[in-house]
Amino acid sequence: MTATTSPQLGHIHALLAENGYEVSEPAADTLRVEEVESGVAVQAILQGDIMFFSLTCTVVPRAAITVEIMARMLAADNGISTSYFQLYDAGAGRVAVTLNNFCKLQDMGAEDEDDILSCIHFLMVDVMSARRLLGDLGK
């Protein structure tokens, strides 16, 4: 498999759309997946046989990311059960706080479909805990 495997991306796009998500393809090997009721959007990127999922929780000034906030984000009992946080430089002295997950694709059978849907679901659940955890960080 290569990073430009369009049939796989097309299969994933169709799978997510069939399961009630609004799906678009903003760039090569990239899907924007929106949960219609909440409006929460996940970016999904296919690289080889790995599907990476990322959901931006907030974008804040770099100074807002304190030791206390980092400790909350890294704590084992923070309520984030299957996803993980990452920080990205958003430019102009700001940082994007994201939740992330991934799955390894094999043959695009039922197990892969279940893994893809599970990753999206876990991010949607974990973002609720992340918003409570981060509190008013984005304000």
Foldseek 3Di string as FASTA:
>chain_A
DAQQPVVVVVLLQVLLVVVQWDWDAPDGQWIWTANVPVRFIWIWGDGPQKIKIKGFLAKAALVLCDPVLVCLQPDPPLQLDAWHWDWDDPDPRIITIMTMDMDGHDPPDPVRSVVSVVRVVSRVNNSVSVCVSCDVSRD
